[in-house]
Amino acid sequence: MSFLRRNLWACALLLTGAAFVGLGAWRGEAETVLRKAITICMECIGLG
């Protein structure tokens, strides 16, 4: 019984996480995150 319950919680958390990732992509957050990551990398390398 605990095996089924543990897997049910894992599936529920996985679906919730996927829904939030999809929502963020739909809102355009992926572009914002990529832009910030490029800026940080350029500052670390010293090109920016």
PDB file of N, CA and C in Angstrom:
ATOM      1  N   MET A   1       0.818  -1.198   0.000  1.00  0.00           N
ATOM      2  CA  MET A   1       0.000   0.000   0.000  1.00  0.00           C
ATOM      3  C   MET A   1       0.861   1.261   0.000  1.00  0.00           C
ATOM      4  N   SER A   2       1.947   1.261   0.777  1.00  0.00           N
ATOM      5  CA  SER A   2       2.789   2.455   0.822  1.00  0.00           C
ATOM      6  C   SER A   2       3.496   2.676  -0.514  1.00  0.00           C
ATOM      7  N   PHE A   3       3.798   1.591  -1.242  1.00  0.00           N
ATOM      8  CA  PHE A   3       4.426   1.724  -2.557  1.00  0.00           C
ATOM      9  C   PHE A   3       3.500   2.467  -3.512  1.00  0.00           C
ATOM     10  N   LEU A   4       2.227   2.108  -3.517  1.00  0.00           N
ATOM     11  CA  LEU A   4       1.252   2.769  -4.380  1.00  0.00           C
ATOM     12  C   LEU A   4       1.069   4.224  -3.969  1.00  0.00           C
ATOM     13  N   ARG A   5       0.989   4.474  -2.685  1.00  0.00           N
ATOM     14  CA  ARG A   5       0.794   5.836  -2.195  1.00  0.00           C
ATOM     15  C   ARG A   5       2.008   6.708  -2.529  1.00  0.00           C
ATOM     16  N   ARG A   6       3.205   6.169  -2.371  1.00  0.00           N
ATOM     17  CA  ARG A   6       4.423   6.926  -2.681  1.00  0.00           C
ATOM     18  C   ARG A   6       4.475   7.255  -4.170  1.00  0.00           C
ATOM     19  N   ASN A   7       4.121   6.315  -5.014  1.00  0.00           N
ATOM     20  CA  ASN A   7       4.130   6.569  -6.454  1.00  0.00           C
ATOM     21  C   ASN A   7       3.044   7.550  -6.861  1.00  0.00           C
ATOM     22  N   LEU A   8       1.915   7.515  -6.183  1.00  0.00           N
ATOM     23  CA  LEU A   8       0.839   8.455  -6.479  1.00  0.00           C
ATOM     24  C   LEU A   8       1.293   9.879  -6.175  1.00  0.00           C
ATOM     25  N   TRP A   9       1.952  10.073  -5.024  1.00  0.00           N
ATOM     26  CA  TRP A   9       2.474  11.395  -4.685  1.00  0.00           C
ATOM     27  C   TRP A   9       3.540  11.841  -5.673  1.00  0.00           C
ATOM     28  N   ALA A  10       4.396  10.930  -6.081  1.00  0.00           N
ATOM     29  CA  ALA A  10       5.447  11.271  -7.041  1.00  0.00           C
ATOM     30  C   ALA A  10       4.842  11.703  -8.375  1.00  0.00           C
ATOM     31  N   CYS A  11       3.834  10.992  -8.827  1.00  0.00           N
ATOM     32  CA  CYS A  11       3.171  11.358 -10.089  1.00  0.00           C
ATOM     33  C   CYS A  11       2.462  12.700  -9.975  1.00  0.00           C
ATOM     34  N   ALA A  12       1.818  12.936  -8.841  1.00  0.00           N
ATOM     35  CA  ALA A  12       1.126  14.207  -8.636  1.00  0.00           C
ATOM     36  C   ALA A  12       2.126  15.365  -8.635  1.00  0.00           C
ATOM     37  N   LEU A  13       3.262  15.188  -7.965  1.00  0.00           N
ATOM     38  CA  LEU A  13       4.280  16.243  -7.948  1.00  0.00           C
ATOM     39  C   LEU A  13       4.904  16.445  -9.323  1.00  0.00           C
ATOM     40  N   LEU A  14       5.091  15.373 -10.062  1.00  0.00           N
ATOM     41  CA  LEU A  14       5.643  15.480 -11.409  1.00  0.00           C
ATOM     42  C   LEU A  14       4.698  16.244 -12.327  1.00  0.00           C
ATOM     43  N   LEU A  15       3.417  15.944 -12.250  1.00  0.00           N
ATOM     44  CA  LEU A  15       2.436  16.649 -13.080  1.00  0.00           C
ATOM     45  C   LEU A  15       2.322  18.115 -12.678  1.00  0.00           C
ATOM     46  N   THR A  16       2.394  18.401 -11.390  1.00  0.00           N
ATOM     47  CA  THR A  16       2.351  19.788 -10.935  1.00  0.00           C
ATOM     48  C   THR A  16       3.562  20.560 -11.441  1.00  0.00           C
ATOM     49  N   GLY A  17       4.735  19.955 -11.344  1.00  0.00           N
ATOM     50  CA  GLY A  17       5.942  20.605 -11.845  1.00  0.00           C
ATOM     51  C   GLY A  17       5.885  20.849 -13.342  1.00  0.00           C
ATOM     52  N   ALA A  18       5.397  19.865 -14.080  1.00  0.00           N
ATOM     53  CA  ALA A  18       5.270  20.021 -15.531  1.00  0.00           C
ATOM     54  C   ALA A  18       4.283  21.131 -15.878  1.00  0.00           C
ATOM     55  N   ALA A  19       3.215  21.234 -15.098  1.00  0.00           N
ATOM     56  CA  ALA A  19       2.235  22.294 -15.343  1.00  0.00           C
ATOM     57  C   ALA A  19       2.850  23.670 -15.109  1.00  0.00           C
ATOM     58  N   PHE A  20       3.654  23.810 -14.059  1.00  0.00           N
ATOM     59  CA  PHE A  20       4.299  25.095 -13.790  1.00  0.00           C
ATOM     60  C   PHE A  20       5.348  25.430 -14.844  1.00  0.00           C
ATOM     61  N   VAL A  21       6.076  24.447 -15.323  1.00  0.00           N
ATOM     62  CA  VAL A  21       7.048  24.691 -16.397  1.00  0.00           C
ATOM     63  C   VAL A  21       6.315  25.141 -17.657  1.00  0.00           C
ATOM     64  N   GLY A  22       5.213  24.478 -17.979  1.00  0.00           N
ATOM     65  CA  GLY A  22       4.416  24.869 -19.141  1.00  0.00           C
ATOM     66  C   GLY A  22       3.847  26.266 -18.996  1.00  0.00           C
ATOM     67  N   LEU A  23       3.386  26.600 -17.797  1.00  0.00           N
ATOM     68  CA  LEU A  23       2.849  27.943 -17.555  1.00  0.00           C
ATOM     69  C   LEU A  23       3.933  29.003 -17.718  1.00  0.00           C
ATOM     70  N   GLY A  24       5.108  28.729 -17.208  1.00  0.00           N
ATOM     71  CA  GLY A  24       6.213  29.681 -17.359  1.00  0.00           C
ATOM     72  C   GLY A  24       6.615  29.860 -18.814  1.00  0.00           C
ATOM     73  N   ALA A  25       6.652  28.773 -19.570  1.00  0.00           N
ATOM     74  CA  ALA A  25       6.985  28.868 -20.990  1.00  0.00           C
ATOM     75  C   ALA A  25       5.905  29.638 -21.743  1.00  0.00           C
ATOM     76  N   TRP A  26       4.655  29.429 -21.379  1.00  0.00           N
ATOM     77  CA  TRP A  26       3.542  30.122 -22.032  1.00  0.00           C
ATOM     78  C   TRP A  26       3.591  31.628 -21.761  1.00  0.00           C
ATOM     79  N   ARG A  27       4.062  32.011 -20.574  1.00  0.00           N
ATOM     80  CA  ARG A  27       4.151  33.424 -20.209  1.00  0.00           C
ATOM     81  C   ARG A  27       5.399  34.095 -20.752  1.00  0.00           C
ATOM     82  N   GLY A  28       6.308  33.343 -21.374  1.00  0.00           N
ATOM     83  CA  GLY A  28       7.510  33.925 -21.942  1.00  0.00           C
ATOM     84  C   GLY A  28       8.663  34.019 -20.962  1.00  0.00           C
ATOM     85  N   GLU A  29       8.576  33.303 -19.867  1.00  0.00           N
ATOM     86  CA  GLU A  29       9.627  33.359 -18.853  1.00  0.00           C
ATOM     87  C   GLU A  29      10.916  32.692 -19.329  1.00  0.00           C
ATOM     88  N   ALA A  30      10.821  31.750 -20.247  1.00  0.00           N
ATOM     89  CA  ALA A  30      12.013  31.058 -20.732  1.00  0.00           C
ATOM     90  C   ALA A  30      12.964  32.039 -21.416  1.00  0.00           C
ATOM     91  N   GLU A  31      12.420  32.965 -22.160  1.00  0.00           N
ATOM     92  CA  GLU A  31      13.254  33.971 -22.826  1.00  0.00           C
ATOM     93  C   GLU A  31      13.946  34.864 -21.803  1.00  0.00           C
ATOM     94  N   THR A  32      13.235  35.245 -20.759  1.00  0.00           N
ATOM     95  CA  THR A  32      13.802  36.083 -19.712  1.00  0.00           C
ATOM     96  C   THR A  32      14.938  35.365 -19.000  1.00  0.00           C
ATOM     97  N   VAL A  33      14.720  34.111 -18.665  1.00  0.00           N
ATOM     98  CA  VAL A  33      15.746  33.328 -17.974  1.00  0.00           C
ATOM     99  C   VAL A  33      16.969  33.159 -18.865  1.00  0.00           C
ATOM    100  N   LEU A  34      16.771  32.874 -20.142  1.00  0.00           N
ATOM    101  CA  LEU A  34      17.887  32.719 -21.072  1.00  0.00           C
ATOM    102  C   LEU A  34      18.675  34.016 -21.208  1.00  0.00           C
ATOM    103  N   ARG A  35      17.975  35.134 -21.294  1.00  0.00           N
ATOM    104  CA  ARG A  35      18.640  36.431 -21.413  1.00  0.00           C
ATOM    105  C   ARG A  35      19.485  36.724 -20.176  1.00  0.00           C
ATOM    106  N   LYS A  36      18.953  36.437 -19.000  1.00  0.00           N
ATOM    107  CA  LYS A  36      19.709  36.668 -17.766  1.00  0.00           C
ATOM    108  C   LYS A  36      20.902  35.730 -17.674  1.00  0.00           C
ATOM    109  N   ALA A  37      20.734  34.492 -18.101  1.00  0.00           N
ATOM    110  CA  ALA A  37      21.844  33.537 -18.066  1.00  0.00           C
ATOM    111  C   ALA A  37      22.968  33.968 -19.000  1.00  0.00           C
ATOM    112  N   ILE A  38      22.628  34.472 -20.159  1.00  0.00           N
ATOM    113  CA  ILE A  38      23.649  34.948 -21.103  1.00  0.00           C
ATOM    114  C   ILE A  38      24.382  36.140 -20.516  1.00  0.00           C
ATOM    115  N   THR A  39      23.650  37.042 -19.881  1.00  0.00           N
ATOM    116  CA  THR A  39      24.276  38.225 -19.273  1.00  0.00           C
ATOM    117  C   THR A  39      25.227  37.824 -18.171  1.00  0.00           C
ATOM    118  N   ILE A  40      24.812  36.906 -17.318  1.00  0.00           N
ATOM    119  CA  ILE A  40      25.682  36.450 -16.228  1.00  0.00           C
ATOM    120  C   ILE A  40      26.930  35.782 -16.789  1.00  0.00           C
ATOM    121  N   CYS A  41      26.776  34.937 -17.797  1.00  0.00           N
ATOM    122  CA  CYS A  41      27.931  34.254 -18.379  1.00  0.00           C
ATOM    123  C   CYS A  41      28.896  35.254 -19.013  1.00  0.00           C
ATOM    124  N   MET A  42      28.376  36.251 -19.687  1.00  0.00           N
ATOM    125  CA  MET A  42      29.235  37.243 -20.303  1.00  0.00           C
ATOM    126  C   MET A  42      29.995  38.048 -19.257  1.00  0.00           C
ATOM    127  N   GLU A  43      29.356  38.312 -18.100  1.00  0.00           N
ATOM    128  CA  GLU A  43      30.033  39.047 -17.033  1.00  0.00           C
ATOM    129  C   GLU A  43      31.128  38.184 -16.412  1.00  0.00           C
ATOM    130  N   CYS A  44      30.865  36.893 -16.265  1.00  0.00           N
ATOM    131  CA  CYS A  44      31.862  36.003 -15.658  1.00  0.00           C
ATOM    132  C   CYS A  44      33.079  35.851 -16.558  1.00  0.00           C
ATOM    133  N   ILE A  45      32.849  35.768 -17.846  1.00  0.00           N
ATOM    134  CA  ILE A  45      33.959  35.614 -18.798  1.00  0.00           C
ATOM    135  C   ILE A  45      34.689  36.942 -18.951  1.00  0.00           C
ATOM    136  N   GLY A  46      33.984  38.030 -18.772  1.00  0.00           N
ATOM    137  CA  GLY A  46      34.606  39.343 -18.877  1.00  0.00           C
ATOM    138  C   GLY A  46      34.382  40.010 -20.216  1.00  0.00           C
ATOM    139  N   LEU A  47      33.429  39.517 -21.000  1.00  0.00           N
ATOM    140  CA  LEU A  47      33.179  40.111 -22.305  1.00  0.00           C
ATOM    141  C   LEU A  47      32.167  41.240 -22.244  1.00  0.00           C
ATOM    142  N   GLY A  48      31.368  41.278 -21.190  1.00  0.00           N
ATOM    143  CA  GLY A  48      30.265  42.243 -21.132  1.00  0.00           C
ATOM    144  C   GLY A  48      30.517  43.405 -20.331  1.00  0.00           C
TER     145      GLY A  48
END
